[in-house]
């Protein structure tokens, strides 16, 4: 059962978190390309699609910690330092995504929807930085999951 849980955990991470990191990283540049001349239908559609990918896959991404906790429980490593650090960093990444990145994307989309409204470069730069923080947190979690300092579980 442990191998099944670990497999689902890893697949969920790849399938859910991967698209969020890519789409969120592409979003600020897509907004900058769409904003100068007023967004045409195609550029606005691509910005909306990137935001929808982030929203939908963020929801699907909830499976990652759920199956991660089930796997950790099955392995008996819930109190290991590397796992606790990973859980804290995962919560931080989720917080950055839910409280900063997604609302930032929605605010920029709302500006693009207003005729004649300008999108300040600072807003897209800030969103790109927050997205970078989100991606960095997930990269650290991934490394911790692979290296598992002090782990002797053999899975």
C-alpha atoms as a PDB file:
ATOM      1  CA  UNK A   1       0.000   0.000   0.000  1.00  0.00           C
ATOM      2  CA  UNK A   2       2.888   2.361   0.742  1.00  0.00           C
ATOM      3  CA  UNK A   3       4.205   2.118  -2.806  1.00  0.00           C
ATOM      4  CA  UNK A   4       0.748   2.855  -4.188  1.00  0.00           C
ATOM      5  CA  UNK A   5       0.345   5.918  -1.942  1.00  0.00           C
ATOM      6  CA  UNK A   6       3.828   7.154  -2.830  1.00  0.00           C
ATOM      7  CA  UNK A   7       3.119   6.653  -6.544  1.00  0.00           C
ATOM      8  CA  UNK A   8      -0.129   8.630  -6.361  1.00  0.00           C
ATOM      9  CA  UNK A   9       1.619  11.342  -4.314  1.00  0.00           C
ATOM     10  CA  UNK A  10       4.401  11.725  -6.888  1.00  0.00           C
ATOM     11  CA  UNK A  11       2.002  11.586  -9.853  1.00  0.00           C
ATOM     12  CA  UNK A  12      -0.240  14.209  -8.238  1.00  0.00           C
ATOM     13  CA  UNK A  13       2.778  16.453  -7.673  1.00  0.00           C
ATOM     14  CA  UNK A  14       3.890  16.152 -11.283  1.00  0.00           C
ATOM     15  CA  UNK A  15       0.432  16.455 -12.832  1.00  0.00           C
ATOM     16  CA  UNK A  16      -0.885  19.237 -10.574  1.00  0.00           C
ATOM     17  CA  UNK A  17       2.053  21.331  -9.419  1.00  0.00           C
ATOM     18  CA  UNK A  18       3.926  21.293 -12.728  1.00  0.00           C
ATOM     19  CA  UNK A  19       1.198  23.089 -14.709  1.00  0.00           C
ATOM     20  CA  UNK A  20       0.705  25.657 -11.939  1.00  0.00           C
ATOM     21  CA  UNK A  21       4.390  26.549 -11.831  1.00  0.00           C
ATOM     22  CA  UNK A  22       4.609  26.881 -15.619  1.00  0.00           C
ATOM     23  CA  UNK A  23       1.325  28.767 -16.144  1.00  0.00           C
ATOM     24  CA  UNK A  24       1.948  31.094 -13.189  1.00  0.00           C
ATOM     25  CA  UNK A  25       5.428  31.843 -14.521  1.00  0.00           C
ATOM     26  CA  UNK A  26       4.058  32.636 -17.981  1.00  0.00           C
ATOM     27  CA  UNK A  27       1.212  34.839 -16.698  1.00  0.00           C
ATOM     28  CA  UNK A  28       3.073  38.135 -15.961  1.00  0.00           C
ATOM     29  CA  UNK A  29       4.769  38.175 -19.367  1.00  0.00           C
ATOM     30  CA  UNK A  30       1.467  37.385 -21.094  1.00  0.00           C
ATOM     31  CA  UNK A  31      -0.143  40.334 -19.306  1.00  0.00           C
ATOM     32  CA  UNK A  32       2.723  42.642 -20.352  1.00  0.00           C
ATOM     33  CA  UNK A  33       2.311  41.527 -23.983  1.00  0.00           C
ATOM     34  CA  UNK A  34      -1.450  42.046 -23.839  1.00  0.00           C
ATOM     35  CA  UNK A  35      -1.513  45.385 -22.029  1.00  0.00           C
ATOM     36  CA  UNK A  36       0.302  48.001 -24.168  1.00  0.00           C
ATOM     37  CA  UNK A  37      -2.138  48.392 -27.031  1.00  0.00           C
ATOM     38  CA  UNK A  38      -5.161  47.229 -25.129  1.00  0.00           C
ATOM     39  CA  UNK A  39      -5.703  43.512 -25.157  1.00  0.00           C
ATOM     40  CA  UNK A  40      -7.050  41.908 -28.293  1.00  0.00           C
ATOM     41  CA  UNK A  41      -9.303  38.890 -27.995  1.00  0.00           C
ATOM     42  CA  UNK A  42      -6.515  36.352 -28.522  1.00  0.00           C
ATOM     43  CA  UNK A  43      -4.087  37.800 -25.976  1.00  0.00           C
ATOM     44  CA  UNK A  44      -6.839  38.257 -23.402  1.00  0.00           C
ATOM     45  CA  UNK A  45      -7.947  34.655 -23.984  1.00  0.00           C
ATOM     46  CA  UNK A  46      -4.412  33.380 -23.388  1.00  0.00           C
ATOM     47  CA  UNK A  47      -4.093  35.373 -20.150  1.00  0.00           C
ATOM     48  CA  UNK A  48      -7.452  34.013 -18.983  1.00  0.00           C
ATOM     49  CA  UNK A  49      -6.399  30.466 -19.894  1.00  0.00           C
ATOM     50  CA  UNK A  50      -3.175  30.748 -17.882  1.00  0.00           C
ATOM     51  CA  UNK A  51      -5.157  31.987 -14.869  1.00  0.00           C
ATOM     52  CA  UNK A  52      -7.706  29.178 -15.239  1.00  0.00           C
ATOM     53  CA  UNK A  53      -4.885  26.602 -15.386  1.00  0.00           C
ATOM     54  CA  UNK A  54      -3.449  28.034 -12.166  1.00  0.00           C
ATOM     55  CA  UNK A  55      -6.817  27.991 -10.389  1.00  0.00           C
ATOM     56  CA  UNK A  56      -7.904  24.529 -11.490  1.00  0.00           C
ATOM     57  CA  UNK A  57      -4.574  22.807 -10.943  1.00  0.00           C
ATOM     58  CA  UNK A  58      -4.133  24.526  -7.583  1.00  0.00           C
ATOM     59  CA  UNK A  59      -7.324  22.774  -6.500  1.00  0.00           C
ATOM     60  CA  UNK A  60      -6.135  19.458  -7.899  1.00  0.00           C
ATOM     61  CA  UNK A  61      -2.819  20.082  -6.127  1.00  0.00           C
ATOM     62  CA  UNK A  62      -4.537  19.587  -2.780  1.00  0.00           C
ATOM     63  CA  UNK A  63      -4.149  15.864  -3.469  1.00  0.00           C
ATOM     64  CA  UNK A  64      -0.368  16.215  -3.150  1.00  0.00           C
ATOM     65  CA  UNK A  65      -0.217  16.880   0.614  1.00  0.00           C
ATOM     66  CA  UNK A  66      -3.154  14.553   1.273  1.00  0.00           C
ATOM     67  CA  UNK A  67      -1.392  11.596  -0.331  1.00  0.00           C
ATOM     68  CA  UNK A  68       1.920  12.801   1.076  1.00  0.00           C
ATOM     69  CA  UNK A  69       0.576  12.629   4.614  1.00  0.00           C
ATOM     70  CA  UNK A  70      -0.945   9.217   3.938  1.00  0.00           C
ATOM     71  CA  UNK A  71       2.394   8.000   2.598  1.00  0.00           C
ATOM     72  CA  UNK A  72       4.316   9.461   5.544  1.00  0.00           C
ATOM     73  CA  UNK A  73       1.914   7.868   7.985  1.00  0.00           C
ATOM     74  CA  UNK A  74       2.284   4.525   6.235  1.00  0.00           C
ATOM     75  CA  UNK A  75       6.072   4.839   6.432  1.00  0.00           C
ATOM     76  CA  UNK A  76       6.006   5.983  10.062  1.00  0.00           C
ATOM     77  CA  UNK A  77       7.976   9.166   9.337  1.00  0.00           C
ATOM     78  CA  UNK A  78       5.444  11.819  10.377  1.00  0.00           C
ATOM     79  CA  UNK A  79       7.775  13.190  13.048  1.00  0.00           C
ATOM     80  CA  UNK A  80      10.967  13.262  10.954  1.00  0.00           C
ATOM     81  CA  UNK A  81      12.519  16.719  10.651  1.00  0.00           C
ATOM     82  CA  UNK A  82      12.786  16.623   6.848  1.00  0.00           C
ATOM     83  CA  UNK A  83       9.083  15.827   6.557  1.00  0.00           C
ATOM     84  CA  UNK A  84       8.037  18.525   9.006  1.00  0.00           C
ATOM     85  CA  UNK A  85      10.190  21.037   7.093  1.00  0.00           C
ATOM     86  CA  UNK A  86       8.567  19.873   3.852  1.00  0.00           C
ATOM     87  CA  UNK A  87       5.082  20.277   5.323  1.00  0.00           C
ATOM     88  CA  UNK A  88       5.867  23.808   6.527  1.00  0.00           C
ATOM     89  CA  UNK A  89       7.314  24.760   3.131  1.00  0.00           C
ATOM     90  CA  UNK A  90       4.340  23.177   1.342  1.00  0.00           C
ATOM     91  CA  UNK A  91       1.957  25.202   3.510  1.00  0.00           C
ATOM     92  CA  UNK A  92       3.994  28.332   2.750  1.00  0.00           C
ATOM     93  CA  UNK A  93       3.866  27.600  -0.991  1.00  0.00           C
ATOM     94  CA  UNK A  94       0.110  27.032  -0.821  1.00  0.00           C
ATOM     95  CA  UNK A  95      -0.290  30.282   1.095  1.00  0.00           C
ATOM     96  CA  UNK A  96       1.758  32.237  -1.445  1.00  0.00           C
ATOM     97  CA  UNK A  97      -0.300  30.757  -4.281  1.00  0.00           C
ATOM     98  CA  UNK A  98      -3.730  31.171  -2.663  1.00  0.00           C
ATOM     99  CA  UNK A  99      -3.187  34.517  -0.947  1.00  0.00           C
ATOM    100  CA  UNK A 100      -0.802  36.336  -3.279  1.00  0.00           C
ATOM    101  CA  UNK A 101      -0.370  34.804  -6.739  1.00  0.00           C
ATOM    102  CA  UNK A 102      -3.978  33.949  -7.641  1.00  0.00           C
ATOM    103  CA  UNK A 103      -5.410  37.239  -6.276  1.00  0.00           C
ATOM    104  CA  UNK A 104      -2.613  39.108  -8.085  1.00  0.00           C
ATOM    105  CA  UNK A 105      -3.569  37.404 -11.328  1.00  0.00           C
ATOM    106  CA  UNK A 106      -7.238  38.242 -10.764  1.00  0.00           C
ATOM    107  CA  UNK A 107      -6.389  41.906 -10.133  1.00  0.00           C
ATOM    108  CA  UNK A 108      -4.380  42.114 -13.351  1.00  0.00           C
ATOM    109  CA  UNK A 109      -7.179  40.410 -15.288  1.00  0.00           C
ATOM    110  CA  UNK A 110      -9.660  42.916 -13.873  1.00  0.00           C
ATOM    111  CA  UNK A 111      -7.428  45.765 -15.089  1.00  0.00           C
ATOM    112  CA  UNK A 112      -7.196  44.233 -18.555  1.00  0.00           C
ATOM    113  CA  UNK A 113     -10.998  43.982 -18.657  1.00  0.00           C
ATOM    114  CA  UNK A 114     -11.428  47.738 -18.140  1.00  0.00           C
ATOM    115  CA  UNK A 115     -11.277  49.663 -21.416  1.00  0.00           C
ATOM    116  CA  UNK A 116      -8.330  52.053 -21.471  1.00  0.00           C
ATOM    117  CA  UNK A 117      -7.000  50.916 -18.104  1.00  0.00           C
ATOM    118  CA  UNK A 118      -3.238  50.570 -17.909  1.00  0.00           C
ATOM    119  CA  UNK A 119      -1.388  47.721 -16.269  1.00  0.00           C
ATOM    120  CA  UNK A 120       1.656  49.014 -14.421  1.00  0.00           C
ATOM    121  CA  UNK A 121       4.871  47.138 -15.025  1.00  0.00           C
ATOM    122  CA  UNK A 122       5.456  47.115 -11.251  1.00  0.00           C
ATOM    123  CA  UNK A 123       2.348  44.973 -10.784  1.00  0.00           C
ATOM    124  CA  UNK A 124       3.564  42.343 -13.243  1.00  0.00           C
ATOM    125  CA  UNK A 125       7.083  42.426 -11.802  1.00  0.00           C
ATOM    126  CA  UNK A 126       5.707  41.921  -8.280  1.00  0.00           C
ATOM    127  CA  UNK A 127       3.562  39.023  -9.474  1.00  0.00           C
ATOM    128  CA  UNK A 128       6.556  37.465 -11.241  1.00  0.00           C
ATOM    129  CA  UNK A 129       8.564  37.738  -8.015  1.00  0.00           C
ATOM    130  CA  UNK A 130       5.814  36.113  -5.960  1.00  0.00           C
ATOM    131  CA  UNK A 131       5.531  33.350  -8.537  1.00  0.00           C
ATOM    132  CA  UNK A 132       9.289  32.844  -8.273  1.00  0.00           C
ATOM    133  CA  UNK A 133       8.969  32.489  -4.495  1.00  0.00           C
ATOM    134  CA  UNK A 134       6.198  29.913  -4.983  1.00  0.00           C
ATOM    135  CA  UNK A 135       8.350  27.974  -7.471  1.00  0.00           C
ATOM    136  CA  UNK A 136      11.408  28.129  -5.213  1.00  0.00           C
ATOM    137  CA  UNK A 137       9.437  26.765  -2.262  1.00  0.00           C
ATOM    138  CA  UNK A 138       8.263  23.818  -4.374  1.00  0.00           C
ATOM    139  CA  UNK A 139      11.802  23.217  -5.621  1.00  0.00           C
ATOM    140  CA  UNK A 140      13.079  22.990  -2.032  1.00  0.00           C
ATOM    141  CA  UNK A 141      10.235  20.639  -1.088  1.00  0.00           C
ATOM    142  CA  UNK A 142      11.056  18.457  -4.092  1.00  0.00           C
ATOM    143  CA  UNK A 143      14.718  18.262  -3.087  1.00  0.00           C
ATOM    144  CA  UNK A 144      13.751  17.368   0.490  1.00  0.00           C
ATOM    145  CA  UNK A 145      11.433  14.654  -0.792  1.00  0.00           C
ATOM    146  CA  UNK A 146      14.192  13.165  -2.940  1.00  0.00           C
ATOM    147  CA  UNK A 147      17.103  13.479  -0.518  1.00  0.00           C
ATOM    148  CA  UNK A 148      15.116  12.757   2.665  1.00  0.00           C
ATOM    149  CA  UNK A 149      17.941  13.607   5.059  1.00  0.00           C
ATOM    150  CA  UNK A 150      18.489  10.849   7.577  1.00  0.00           C
ATOM    151  CA  UNK A 151      15.852   8.611   6.007  1.00  0.00           C
ATOM    152  CA  UNK A 152      16.362   4.878   6.088  1.00  0.00           C
ATOM    153  CA  UNK A 153      12.918   3.821   4.870  1.00  0.00           C
ATOM    154  CA  UNK A 154      14.226   2.242   1.685  1.00  0.00           C
ATOM    155  CA  UNK A 155      11.215   3.213  -0.429  1.00  0.00           C
END
